[in-house]
Amino acid sequence: ILPNLLALLLLSGKVREILQSYFRRQAWLPDAEPHERWIEKQEAGRP
């Protein structure tokens, strides 16, 4: 049980990051337009 708890703690940050990315790009929508807009915003913010 200890290895499972350790893995849960170590991976929780990555799971949170993946979930935030999923909800930001609205992956449940049938078209890719929201995701493309999100990518454009991310690229525009890069130096």
C-alpha atoms as a PDB file:
ATOM      1  CA  ILE A   1       0.000   0.000   0.000  1.00  0.00           C
ATOM      2  CA  LEU A   2       2.942   2.344   0.622  1.00  0.00           C
ATOM      3  CA  PRO A   3       4.184   2.260  -3.003  1.00  0.00           C
ATOM      4  CA  ASN A   4       0.696   3.169  -4.205  1.00  0.00           C
ATOM      5  CA  LEU A   5       0.471   6.144  -1.860  1.00  0.00           C
ATOM      6  CA  LEU A   6       3.917   7.298  -2.908  1.00  0.00           C
ATOM      7  CA  ALA A   7       2.985   7.059  -6.597  1.00  0.00           C
ATOM      8  CA  LEU A   8      -0.245   8.937  -5.931  1.00  0.00           C
ATOM      9  CA  LEU A   9       1.655  11.787  -4.298  1.00  0.00           C
ATOM     10  CA  LEU A  10       4.312  11.918  -7.004  1.00  0.00           C
ATOM     11  CA  LEU A  11       1.848  11.876  -9.907  1.00  0.00           C
ATOM     12  CA  SER A  12      -0.800  14.204  -8.490  1.00  0.00           C
ATOM     13  CA  GLY A  13       0.878  17.301  -9.946  1.00  0.00           C
ATOM     14  CA  LYS A  14       1.061  15.775 -13.423  1.00  0.00           C
ATOM     15  CA  VAL A  15      -2.574  14.643 -13.284  1.00  0.00           C
ATOM     16  CA  ARG A  16      -3.612  18.167 -12.275  1.00  0.00           C
ATOM     17  CA  GLU A  17      -1.638  19.634 -15.190  1.00  0.00           C
ATOM     18  CA  ILE A  18      -3.238  17.221 -17.674  1.00  0.00           C
ATOM     19  CA  LEU A  19      -6.738  17.927 -16.384  1.00  0.00           C
ATOM     20  CA  GLN A  20      -6.239  21.689 -16.563  1.00  0.00           C
ATOM     21  CA  SER A  21      -5.008  21.365 -20.143  1.00  0.00           C
ATOM     22  CA  TYR A  22      -8.016  19.216 -21.027  1.00  0.00           C
ATOM     23  CA  PHE A  23     -10.542  21.678 -19.647  1.00  0.00           C
ATOM     24  CA  ARG A  24      -8.747  24.725 -21.078  1.00  0.00           C
ATOM     25  CA  ARG A  25      -8.903  23.361 -24.618  1.00  0.00           C
ATOM     26  CA  GLN A  26     -12.467  22.057 -24.192  1.00  0.00           C
ATOM     27  CA  ALA A  27     -11.644  18.652 -25.689  1.00  0.00           C
ATOM     28  CA  TRP A  28     -15.212  17.448 -25.356  1.00  0.00           C
ATOM     29  CA  LEU A  29     -16.405  19.792 -28.118  1.00  0.00           C
ATOM     30  CA  PRO A  30     -16.851  18.124 -31.517  1.00  0.00           C
ATOM     31  CA  ASP A  31     -14.682  20.584 -33.444  1.00  0.00           C
ATOM     32  CA  ALA A  32     -11.061  21.561 -32.979  1.00  0.00           C
ATOM     33  CA  GLU A  33     -11.600  25.333 -33.117  1.00  0.00           C
ATOM     34  CA  PRO A  34     -11.355  25.955 -29.324  1.00  0.00           C
ATOM     35  CA  HIS A  35      -8.118  23.976 -29.185  1.00  0.00           C
ATOM     36  CA  GLU A  36      -6.657  25.911 -32.114  1.00  0.00           C
ATOM     37  CA  ARG A  37      -7.560  29.217 -30.431  1.00  0.00           C
ATOM     38  CA  TRP A  38      -5.888  28.024 -27.239  1.00  0.00           C
ATOM     39  CA  ILE A  39      -2.723  27.077 -29.142  1.00  0.00           C
ATOM     40  CA  GLU A  40      -2.662  30.500 -30.817  1.00  0.00           C
ATOM     41  CA  LYS A  41      -2.967  32.206 -27.431  1.00  0.00           C
ATOM     42  CA  GLN A  42      -0.145  30.090 -26.008  1.00  0.00           C
ATOM     43  CA  GLU A  43       2.138  30.808 -28.966  1.00  0.00           C
ATOM     44  CA  ALA A  44       1.349  34.535 -28.842  1.00  0.00           C
ATOM     45  CA  GLY A  45       2.428  34.656 -25.211  1.00  0.00           C
ATOM     46  CA  ARG A  46       5.837  33.127 -25.888  1.00  0.00           C
ATOM     47  CA  PRO A  47       8.846  35.456 -26.005  1.00  0.00           C
END
